[in-house]
Amino acid sequence: MITRPGGCIAVIGVLTAPTATLPWFLMFMKNLSLRTGLVNPQNFIPKLLPLIEQGRLDPTVIVSHRLPLSEGPRGYDVFAGHKENVLKVVLTP
């Protein structure tokens, strides 16, 4: 573990299954903190939308898949299964 003594480990995003184990004894000995939480993305829309409208922020860089709405189940499968190097899936009618 490369976190400095007294440091903080942050879990960002929603995990549906354990992806790593933490050495709890080492965390205790190094006095580390573990932080988790959920984010309400609606809080950020008033700040981000003007940046997008002004061309200062390009949200398309995180869109890895564009699928027709008829392929919605496949889009959800790809996203939930972390397949095909997926970041974000956009479904279009």
PDB file of N, CA and C in Angstrom:
ATOM      1  N   MET A   1       0.856  -1.177   0.000  1.00  0.00           N
ATOM      2  CA  MET A   1       0.000   0.000   0.000  1.00  0.00           C
ATOM      3  C   MET A   1       0.900   1.237   0.000  1.00  0.00           C
ATOM      4  N   ILE A   2       0.650   2.149  -0.924  1.00  0.00           N
ATOM      5  CA  ILE A   2       1.536   3.297  -1.072  1.00  0.00           C
ATOM      6  C   ILE A   2       1.008   4.566  -0.410  1.00  0.00           C
ATOM      7  N   THR A   3      -0.114   4.473   0.260  1.00  0.00           N
ATOM      8  CA  THR A   3      -0.651   5.642   0.947  1.00  0.00           C
ATOM      9  C   THR A   3       0.259   6.014   2.116  1.00  0.00           C
ATOM     10  N   ARG A   4       0.532   7.312   2.240  1.00  0.00           N
ATOM     11  CA  ARG A   4       1.423   7.774   3.304  1.00  0.00           C
ATOM     12  C   ARG A   4       0.753   7.616   4.668  1.00  0.00           C
ATOM     13  N   PRO A   5       1.529   7.522   5.724  1.00  0.00           N
ATOM     14  CA  PRO A   5       0.946   7.458   7.059  1.00  0.00           C
ATOM     15  C   PRO A   5       0.040   8.670   7.305  1.00  0.00           C
ATOM     16  N   GLY A   6      -1.130   8.399   7.860  1.00  0.00           N
ATOM     17  CA  GLY A   6      -2.098   9.460   8.120  1.00  0.00           C
ATOM     18  C   GLY A   6      -2.908   9.840   6.886  1.00  0.00           C
ATOM     19  N   GLY A   7      -2.714   9.132   5.773  1.00  0.00           N
ATOM     20  CA  GLY A   7      -3.397   9.459   4.523  1.00  0.00           C
ATOM     21  C   GLY A   7      -4.821   8.932   4.471  1.00  0.00           C
ATOM     22  N   CYS A   8      -5.449   9.170   3.327  1.00  0.00           N
ATOM     23  CA  CYS A   8      -6.839   8.794   3.139  1.00  0.00           C
ATOM     24  C   CYS A   8      -6.979   8.008   1.835  1.00  0.00           C
ATOM     25  N   ILE A   9      -7.700   6.914   1.899  1.00  0.00           N
ATOM     26  CA  ILE A   9      -8.033   6.124   0.722  1.00  0.00           C
ATOM     27  C   ILE A   9      -9.491   6.430   0.393  1.00  0.00           C
ATOM     28  N   ALA A  10      -9.750   6.838  -0.852  1.00  0.00           N
ATOM     29  CA  ALA A  10     -11.118   7.184  -1.258  1.00  0.00           C
ATOM     30  C   ALA A  10     -11.627   6.164  -2.272  1.00  0.00           C
ATOM     31  N   VAL A  11     -12.836   5.686  -2.047  1.00  0.00           N
ATOM     32  CA  VAL A  11     -13.507   4.800  -2.991  1.00  0.00           C
ATOM     33  C   VAL A  11     -14.511   5.658  -3.734  1.00  0.00           C
ATOM     34  N   ILE A  12     -14.270   5.829  -5.045  1.00  0.00           N
ATOM     35  CA  ILE A  12     -15.112   6.712  -5.853  1.00  0.00           C
ATOM     36  C   ILE A  12     -15.965   5.856  -6.761  1.00  0.00           C
ATOM     37  N   GLY A  13     -17.255   6.129  -6.775  1.00  0.00           N
ATOM     38  CA  GLY A  13     -18.167   5.369  -7.616  1.00  0.00           C
ATOM     39  C   GLY A  13     -18.922   4.335  -6.805  1.00  0.00           C
ATOM     40  N   VAL A  14     -19.701   3.556  -7.508  1.00  0.00           N
ATOM     41  CA  VAL A  14     -20.518   2.537  -6.869  1.00  0.00           C
ATOM     42  C   VAL A  14     -19.936   1.179  -7.211  1.00  0.00           C
ATOM     43  N   LEU A  15     -19.606   0.421  -6.191  1.00  0.00           N
ATOM     44  CA  LEU A  15     -19.069  -0.918  -6.390  1.00  0.00           C
ATOM     45  C   LEU A  15     -20.178  -1.925  -6.114  1.00  0.00           C
ATOM     46  N   THR A  16     -20.327  -2.885  -7.005  1.00  0.00           N
ATOM     47  CA  THR A  16     -21.352  -3.915  -6.805  1.00  0.00           C
ATOM     48  C   THR A  16     -20.755  -5.213  -6.285  1.00  0.00           C
ATOM     49  N   ALA A  17     -19.443  -5.317  -6.343  1.00  0.00           N
ATOM     50  CA  ALA A  17     -18.764  -6.509  -5.845  1.00  0.00           C
ATOM     51  C   ALA A  17     -17.379  -6.095  -5.349  1.00  0.00           C
ATOM     52  N   PRO A  18     -16.829  -6.823  -4.388  1.00  0.00           N
ATOM     53  CA  PRO A  18     -15.483  -6.479  -3.919  1.00  0.00           C
ATOM     54  C   PRO A  18     -14.472  -6.597  -5.055  1.00  0.00           C
ATOM     55  N   THR A  19     -13.647  -5.585  -5.206  1.00  0.00           N
ATOM     56  CA  THR A  19     -12.636  -5.622  -6.255  1.00  0.00           C
ATOM     57  C   THR A  19     -11.233  -5.715  -5.686  1.00  0.00           C
ATOM     58  N   ALA A  20     -11.089  -5.444  -4.418  1.00  0.00           N
ATOM     59  CA  ALA A  20      -9.773  -5.507  -3.793  1.00  0.00           C
ATOM     60  C   ALA A  20      -9.966  -5.730  -2.292  1.00  0.00           C
ATOM     61  N   THR A  21      -8.985  -6.287  -1.694  1.00  0.00           N
ATOM     62  CA  THR A  21      -9.024  -6.435  -0.242  1.00  0.00           C
ATOM     63  C   THR A  21      -8.048  -5.429   0.351  1.00  0.00           C
ATOM     64  N   LEU A  22      -8.391  -4.938   1.494  1.00  0.00           N
ATOM     65  CA  LEU A  22      -7.538  -3.968   2.171  1.00  0.00           C
ATOM     66  C   LEU A  22      -6.862  -4.633   3.365  1.00  0.00           C
ATOM     67  N   PRO A  23      -5.581  -4.398   3.534  1.00  0.00           N
ATOM     68  CA  PRO A  23      -4.879  -4.954   4.695  1.00  0.00           C
ATOM     69  C   PRO A  23      -5.212  -4.123   5.942  1.00  0.00           C
ATOM     70  N   TRP A  24      -6.278  -4.514   6.641  1.00  0.00           N
ATOM     71  CA  TRP A  24      -6.786  -3.718   7.756  1.00  0.00           C
ATOM     72  C   TRP A  24      -5.723  -3.472   8.819  1.00  0.00           C
ATOM     73  N   PHE A  25      -4.873  -4.449   9.103  1.00  0.00           N
ATOM     74  CA  PHE A  25      -3.838  -4.249  10.108  1.00  0.00           C
ATOM     75  C   PHE A  25      -2.884  -3.136   9.680  1.00  0.00           C
ATOM     76  N   LEU A  26      -2.483  -3.148   8.401  1.00  0.00           N
ATOM     77  CA  LEU A  26      -1.594  -2.111   7.889  1.00  0.00           C
ATOM     78  C   LEU A  26      -2.281  -0.746   7.920  1.00  0.00           C
ATOM     79  N   MET A  27      -3.578  -0.726   7.614  1.00  0.00           N
ATOM     80  CA  MET A  27      -4.317   0.541   7.669  1.00  0.00           C
ATOM     81  C   MET A  27      -4.311   1.085   9.096  1.00  0.00           C
ATOM     82  N   PHE A  28      -4.489   0.203  10.070  1.00  0.00           N
ATOM     83  CA  PHE A  28      -4.479   0.606  11.471  1.00  0.00           C
ATOM     84  C   PHE A  28      -3.095   1.115  11.869  1.00  0.00           C
ATOM     85  N   MET A  29      -2.044   0.399  11.471  1.00  0.00           N
ATOM     86  CA  MET A  29      -0.686   0.774  11.851  1.00  0.00           C
ATOM     87  C   MET A  29      -0.252   2.095  11.208  1.00  0.00           C
ATOM     88  N   LYS A  30      -0.770   2.400  10.003  1.00  0.00           N
ATOM     89  CA  LYS A  30      -0.403   3.638   9.313  1.00  0.00           C
ATOM     90  C   LYS A  30      -1.400   4.763   9.590  1.00  0.00           C
ATOM     91  N   ASN A  31      -2.421   4.487  10.426  1.00  0.00           N
ATOM     92  CA  ASN A  31      -3.419   5.493  10.777  1.00  0.00           C
ATOM     93  C   ASN A  31      -4.110   6.059   9.523  1.00  0.00           C
ATOM     94  N   LEU A  32      -4.583   5.145   8.653  1.00  0.00           N
ATOM     95  CA  LEU A  32      -5.222   5.556   7.404  1.00  0.00           C
ATOM     96  C   LEU A  32      -6.717   5.709   7.584  1.00  0.00           C
ATOM     97  N   SER A  33      -7.303   6.571   6.768  1.00  0.00           N
ATOM     98  CA  SER A  33      -8.751   6.752   6.746  1.00  0.00           C
ATOM     99  C   SER A  33      -9.294   6.194   5.439  1.00  0.00           C
ATOM    100  N   LEU A  34     -10.505   5.669   5.497  1.00  0.00           N
ATOM    101  CA  LEU A  34     -11.192   5.171   4.315  1.00  0.00           C
ATOM    102  C   LEU A  34     -12.468   5.986   4.154  1.00  0.00           C
ATOM    103  N   ARG A  35     -12.649   6.573   2.975  1.00  0.00           N
ATOM    104  CA  ARG A  35     -13.829   7.405   2.712  1.00  0.00           C
ATOM    105  C   ARG A  35     -14.592   6.840   1.530  1.00  0.00           C
ATOM    106  N   THR A  36     -15.898   6.791   1.665  1.00  0.00           N
ATOM    107  CA  THR A  36     -16.775   6.382   0.575  1.00  0.00           C
ATOM    108  C   THR A  36     -17.978   7.298   0.568  1.00  0.00           C
ATOM    109  N   GLY A  37     -18.763   7.205  -0.463  1.00  0.00           N
ATOM    110  CA  GLY A  37     -19.990   8.001  -0.499  1.00  0.00           C
ATOM    111  C   GLY A  37     -20.567   8.042  -1.896  1.00  0.00           C
ATOM    112  N   LEU A  38     -21.791   8.486  -1.974  1.00  0.00           N
ATOM    113  CA  LEU A  38     -22.472   8.647  -3.249  1.00  0.00           C
ATOM    114  C   LEU A  38     -22.557  10.124  -3.578  1.00  0.00           C
ATOM    115  N   VAL A  39     -22.601  10.416  -4.849  1.00  0.00           N
ATOM    116  CA  VAL A  39     -22.674  11.798  -5.316  1.00  0.00           C
ATOM    117  C   VAL A  39     -23.998  11.997  -6.022  1.00  0.00           C
ATOM    118  N   ASN A  40     -24.647  13.105  -5.775  1.00  0.00           N
ATOM    119  CA  ASN A  40     -25.867  13.461  -6.485  1.00  0.00           C
ATOM    120  C   ASN A  40     -25.463  14.314  -7.687  1.00  0.00           C
ATOM    121  N   PRO A  41     -25.412  13.719  -8.888  1.00  0.00           N
ATOM    122  CA  PRO A  41     -24.940  14.479 -10.054  1.00  0.00           C
ATOM    123  C   PRO A  41     -25.809  15.681 -10.390  1.00  0.00           C
ATOM    124  N   GLN A  42     -27.078  15.678  -9.957  1.00  0.00           N
ATOM    125  CA  GLN A  42     -27.960  16.807 -10.233  1.00  0.00           C
ATOM    126  C   GLN A  42     -27.427  18.098  -9.609  1.00  0.00           C
ATOM    127  N   ASN A  43     -26.658  17.988  -8.541  1.00  0.00           N
ATOM    128  CA  ASN A  43     -26.089  19.181  -7.900  1.00  0.00           C
ATOM    129  C   ASN A  43     -25.088  19.898  -8.797  1.00  0.00           C
ATOM    130  N   PHE A  44     -24.468  19.172  -9.720  1.00  0.00           N
ATOM    131  CA  PHE A  44     -23.404  19.740 -10.534  1.00  0.00           C
ATOM    132  C   PHE A  44     -23.885  20.285 -11.875  1.00  0.00           C
ATOM    133  N   ILE A  45     -25.112  19.948 -12.278  1.00  0.00           N
ATOM    134  CA  ILE A  45     -25.613  20.393 -13.583  1.00  0.00           C
ATOM    135  C   ILE A  45     -25.614  21.915 -13.722  1.00  0.00           C
ATOM    136  N   PRO A  46     -26.067  22.692 -12.736  1.00  0.00           N
ATOM    137  CA  PRO A  46     -26.041  24.152 -12.900  1.00  0.00           C
ATOM    138  C   PRO A  46     -24.636  24.726 -13.121  1.00  0.00           C
ATOM    139  N   LYS A  47     -23.607  24.049 -12.603  1.00  0.00           N
ATOM    140  CA  LYS A  47     -22.239  24.525 -12.798  1.00  0.00           C
ATOM    141  C   LYS A  47     -21.646  24.019 -14.112  1.00  0.00           C
ATOM    142  N   LEU A  48     -21.974  22.782 -14.478  1.00  0.00           N
ATOM    143  CA  LEU A  48     -21.353  22.170 -15.648  1.00  0.00           C
ATOM    144  C   LEU A  48     -22.014  22.574 -16.966  1.00  0.00           C
ATOM    145  N   LEU A  49     -23.328  22.725 -16.977  1.00  0.00           N
ATOM    146  CA  LEU A  49     -24.031  23.018 -18.226  1.00  0.00           C
ATOM    147  C   LEU A  49     -23.538  24.297 -18.894  1.00  0.00           C
ATOM    148  N   PRO A  50     -23.335  25.400 -18.175  1.00  0.00           N
ATOM    149  CA  PRO A  50     -22.783  26.592 -18.830  1.00  0.00           C
ATOM    150  C   PRO A  50     -21.397  26.354 -19.431  1.00  0.00           C
ATOM    151  N   LEU A  51     -20.569  25.557 -18.777  1.00  0.00           N
ATOM    152  CA  LEU A  51     -19.238  25.257 -19.313  1.00  0.00           C
ATOM    153  C   LEU A  51     -19.341  24.467 -20.616  1.00  0.00           C
ATOM    154  N   ILE A  52     -20.292  23.561 -20.678  1.00  0.00           N
ATOM    155  CA  ILE A  52     -20.520  22.787 -21.902  1.00  0.00           C
ATOM    156  C   ILE A  52     -21.035  23.701 -23.002  1.00  0.00           C
ATOM    157  N   GLU A  53     -21.989  24.557 -22.658  1.00  0.00           N
ATOM    158  CA  GLU A  53     -22.570  25.484 -23.648  1.00  0.00           C
ATOM    159  C   GLU A  53     -21.520  26.448 -24.200  1.00  0.00           C
ATOM    160  N   GLN A  54     -20.568  26.849 -23.368  1.00  0.00           N
ATOM    161  CA  GLN A  54     -19.508  27.771 -23.791  1.00  0.00           C
ATOM    162  C   GLN A  54     -18.382  27.063 -24.542  1.00  0.00           C
ATOM    163  N   GLY A  55     -18.448  25.742 -24.633  1.00  0.00           N
ATOM    164  CA  GLY A  55     -17.400  24.998 -25.302  1.00  0.00           C
ATOM    165  C   GLY A  55     -16.145  24.819 -24.468  1.00  0.00           C
ATOM    166  N   ARG A  56     -16.227  25.121 -23.187  1.00  0.00           N
ATOM    167  CA  ARG A  56     -15.060  24.992 -22.305  1.00  0.00           C
ATOM    168  C   ARG A  56     -14.930  23.587 -21.721  1.00  0.00           C
ATOM    169  N   LEU A  57     -15.981  22.785 -21.847  1.00  0.00           N
ATOM    170  CA  LEU A  57     -15.979  21.430 -21.321  1.00  0.00           C
ATOM    171  C   LEU A  57     -16.633  20.522 -22.357  1.00  0.00           C
ATOM    172  N   ASP A  58     -15.949  19.449 -22.726  1.00  0.00           N
ATOM    173  CA  ASP A  58     -16.469  18.519 -23.725  1.00  0.00           C
ATOM    174  C   ASP A  58     -16.814  17.193 -23.051  1.00  0.00           C
ATOM    175  N   PRO A  59     -18.089  16.952 -22.777  1.00  0.00           N
ATOM    176  CA  PRO A  59     -18.467  15.716 -22.092  1.00  0.00           C
ATOM    177  C   PRO A  59     -18.396  14.481 -22.989  1.00  0.00           C
ATOM    178  N   THR A  60     -18.241  14.672 -24.296  1.00  0.00           N
ATOM    179  CA  THR A  60     -18.239  13.518 -25.197  1.00  0.00           C
ATOM    180  C   THR A  60     -16.983  12.669 -25.050  1.00  0.00           C
ATOM    181  N   VAL A  61     -15.954  13.183 -24.406  1.00  0.00           N
ATOM    182  CA  VAL A  61     -14.722  12.402 -24.265  1.00  0.00           C
ATOM    183  C   VAL A  61     -14.920  11.162 -23.393  1.00  0.00           C
ATOM    184  N   ILE A  62     -15.968  11.138 -22.572  1.00  0.00           N
ATOM    185  CA  ILE A  62     -16.199   9.961 -21.734  1.00  0.00           C
ATOM    186  C   ILE A  62     -17.230   9.010 -22.336  1.00  0.00           C
ATOM    187  N   VAL A  63     -17.798   9.363 -23.503  1.00  0.00           N
ATOM    188  CA  VAL A  63     -18.766   8.484 -24.166  1.00  0.00           C
ATOM    189  C   VAL A  63     -17.997   7.482 -25.010  1.00  0.00           C
ATOM    190  N   SER A  64     -18.054   6.231 -24.603  1.00  0.00           N
ATOM    191  CA  SER A  64     -17.334   5.195 -25.335  1.00  0.00           C
ATOM    192  C   SER A  64     -18.250   4.410 -26.273  1.00  0.00           C
ATOM    193  N   HIS A  65     -19.549   4.442 -26.016  1.00  0.00           N
ATOM    194  CA  HIS A  65     -20.500   3.670 -26.813  1.00  0.00           C
ATOM    195  C   HIS A  65     -21.732   4.516 -27.121  1.00  0.00           C
ATOM    196  N   ARG A  66     -22.154   4.492 -28.366  1.00  0.00           N
ATOM    197  CA  ARG A  66     -23.414   5.113 -28.789  1.00  0.00           C
ATOM    198  C   ARG A  66     -24.254   4.026 -29.449  1.00  0.00           C
ATOM    199  N   LEU A  67     -25.422   3.788 -28.883  1.00  0.00           N
ATOM    200  CA  LEU A  67     -26.277   2.716 -29.378  1.00  0.00           C
ATOM    201  C   LEU A  67     -27.692   3.232 -29.599  1.00  0.00           C
ATOM    202  N   PRO A  68     -28.416   2.631 -30.543  1.00  0.00           N
ATOM    203  CA  PRO A  68     -29.826   2.987 -30.684  1.00  0.00           C
ATOM    204  C   PRO A  68     -30.606   2.472 -29.467  1.00  0.00           C
ATOM    205  N   LEU A  69     -31.705   3.120 -29.171  1.00  0.00           N
ATOM    206  CA  LEU A  69     -32.518   2.748 -28.018  1.00  0.00           C
ATOM    207  C   LEU A  69     -32.930   1.278 -28.078  1.00  0.00           C
ATOM    208  N   SER A  70     -33.102   0.757 -29.272  1.00  0.00           N
ATOM    209  CA  SER A  70     -33.484  -0.651 -29.423  1.00  0.00           C
ATOM    210  C   SER A  70     -32.417  -1.602 -28.879  1.00  0.00           C
ATOM    211  N   GLU A  71     -31.177  -1.131 -28.737  1.00  0.00           N
ATOM    212  CA  GLU A  71     -30.101  -1.953 -28.178  1.00  0.00           C
ATOM    213  C   GLU A  71     -29.840  -1.614 -26.705  1.00  0.00           C
ATOM    214  N   GLY A  72     -30.838  -1.018 -26.052  1.00  0.00           N
ATOM    215  CA  GLY A  72     -30.710  -0.654 -24.641  1.00  0.00           C
ATOM    216  C   GLY A  72     -30.279  -1.794 -23.745  1.00  0.00           C
ATOM    217  N   PRO A  73     -30.903  -2.972 -23.858  1.00  0.00           N
ATOM    218  CA  PRO A  73     -30.463  -4.083 -22.993  1.00  0.00           C
ATOM    219  C   PRO A  73     -28.981  -4.429 -23.188  1.00  0.00           C
ATOM    220  N   ARG A  74     -28.500  -4.390 -24.427  1.00  0.00           N
ATOM    221  CA  ARG A  74     -27.077  -4.663 -24.670  1.00  0.00           C
ATOM    222  C   ARG A  74     -26.214  -3.573 -24.048  1.00  0.00           C
ATOM    223  N   GLY A  75     -26.668  -2.308 -24.161  1.00  0.00           N
ATOM    224  CA  GLY A  75     -25.925  -1.207 -23.558  1.00  0.00           C
ATOM    225  C   GLY A  75     -25.797  -1.365 -22.054  1.00  0.00           C
ATOM    226  N   TYR A  76     -26.896  -1.765 -21.408  1.00  0.00           N
ATOM    227  CA  TYR A  76     -26.846  -1.983 -19.965  1.00  0.00           C
ATOM    228  C   TYR A  76     -25.943  -3.159 -19.621  1.00  0.00           C
ATOM    229  N   ASP A  77     -25.969  -4.211 -20.444  1.00  0.00           N
ATOM    230  CA  ASP A  77     -25.119  -5.373 -20.213  1.00  0.00           C
ATOM    231  C   ASP A  77     -23.638  -4.997 -20.337  1.00  0.00           C
ATOM    232  N   VAL A  78     -23.307  -4.242 -21.362  1.00  0.00           N
ATOM    233  CA  VAL A  78     -21.918  -3.812 -21.568  1.00  0.00           C
ATOM    234  C   VAL A  78     -21.457  -2.956 -20.394  1.00  0.00           C
ATOM    235  N   PHE A  79     -22.309  -1.995 -19.986  1.00  0.00           N
ATOM    236  CA  PHE A  79     -21.925  -1.089 -18.900  1.00  0.00           C
ATOM    237  C   PHE A  79     -21.802  -1.833 -17.576  1.00  0.00           C
ATOM    238  N   ALA A  80     -22.817  -2.611 -17.237  1.00  0.00           N
ATOM    239  CA  ALA A  80     -22.809  -3.318 -15.949  1.00  0.00           C
ATOM    240  C   ALA A  80     -21.711  -4.359 -15.883  1.00  0.00           C
ATOM    241  N   GLY A  81     -21.357  -4.949 -17.031  1.00  0.00           N
ATOM    242  CA  GLY A  81     -20.333  -5.975 -17.047  1.00  0.00           C
ATOM    243  C   GLY A  81     -18.933  -5.459 -17.296  1.00  0.00           C
ATOM    244  N   HIS A  82     -18.802  -4.134 -17.391  1.00  0.00           N
ATOM    245  CA  HIS A  82     -17.491  -3.510 -17.640  1.00  0.00           C
ATOM    246  C   HIS A  82     -16.830  -4.122 -18.875  1.00  0.00           C
ATOM    247  N   LYS A  83     -17.618  -4.297 -19.930  1.00  0.00           N
ATOM    248  CA  LYS A  83     -17.127  -4.932 -21.157  1.00  0.00           C
ATOM    249  C   LYS A  83     -16.688  -3.887 -22.172  1.00  0.00           C
ATOM    250  N   GLU A  84     -15.867  -4.302 -23.112  1.00  0.00           N
ATOM    251  CA  GLU A  84     -15.490  -3.487 -24.269  1.00  0.00           C
ATOM    252  C   GLU A  84     -14.887  -2.134 -23.881  1.00  0.00           C
ATOM    253  N   ASN A  85     -14.165  -2.083 -22.776  1.00  0.00           N
ATOM    254  CA  ASN A  85     -13.552  -0.828 -22.298  1.00  0.00           C
ATOM    255  C   ASN A  85     -14.577   0.298 -22.191  1.00  0.00           C
ATOM    256  N   VAL A  86     -15.743  -0.011 -21.687  1.00  0.00           N
ATOM    257  CA  VAL A  86     -16.837   0.960 -21.603  1.00  0.00           C
ATOM    258  C   VAL A  86     -16.559   2.035 -20.555  1.00  0.00           C
ATOM    259  N   LEU A  87     -16.935   3.259 -20.879  1.00  0.00           N
ATOM    260  CA  LEU A  87     -16.945   4.359 -19.911  1.00  0.00           C
ATOM    261  C   LEU A  87     -18.379   4.808 -19.692  1.00  0.00           C
ATOM    262  N   LYS A  88     -19.001   5.317 -20.761  1.00  0.00           N
ATOM    263  CA  LYS A  88     -20.407   5.737 -20.721  1.00  0.00           C
ATOM    264  C   LYS A  88     -21.085   5.268 -21.985  1.00  0.00           C
ATOM    265  N   VAL A  89     -22.348   4.870 -21.859  1.00  0.00           N
ATOM    266  CA  VAL A  89     -23.152   4.458 -22.995  1.00  0.00           C
ATOM    267  C   VAL A  89     -24.258   5.489 -23.200  1.00  0.00           C
ATOM    268  N   VAL A  90     -24.376   5.984 -24.428  1.00  0.00           N
ATOM    269  CA  VAL A  90     -25.454   6.911 -24.777  1.00  0.00           C
ATOM    270  C   VAL A  90     -26.432   6.172 -25.680  1.00  0.00           C
ATOM    271  N   LEU A  91     -27.702   6.168 -25.283  1.00  0.00           N
ATOM    272  CA  LEU A  91     -28.748   5.557 -26.085  1.00  0.00           C
ATOM    273  C   LEU A  91     -29.508   6.656 -26.813  1.00  0.00           C
ATOM    274  N   THR A  92     -29.685   6.498 -28.123  1.00  0.00           N
ATOM    275  CA  THR A  92     -30.404   7.512 -28.901  1.00  0.00           C
ATOM    276  C   THR A  92     -31.664   6.904 -29.505  1.00  0.00           C
ATOM    277  N   PRO A  93     -32.778   7.661 -29.477  1.00  0.00           N
ATOM    278  CA  PRO A  93     -34.044   7.151 -30.040  1.00  0.00           C
ATOM    279  C   PRO A  93     -33.963   7.005 -31.554  1.00  0.00           C
TER     280      PRO A  93
END
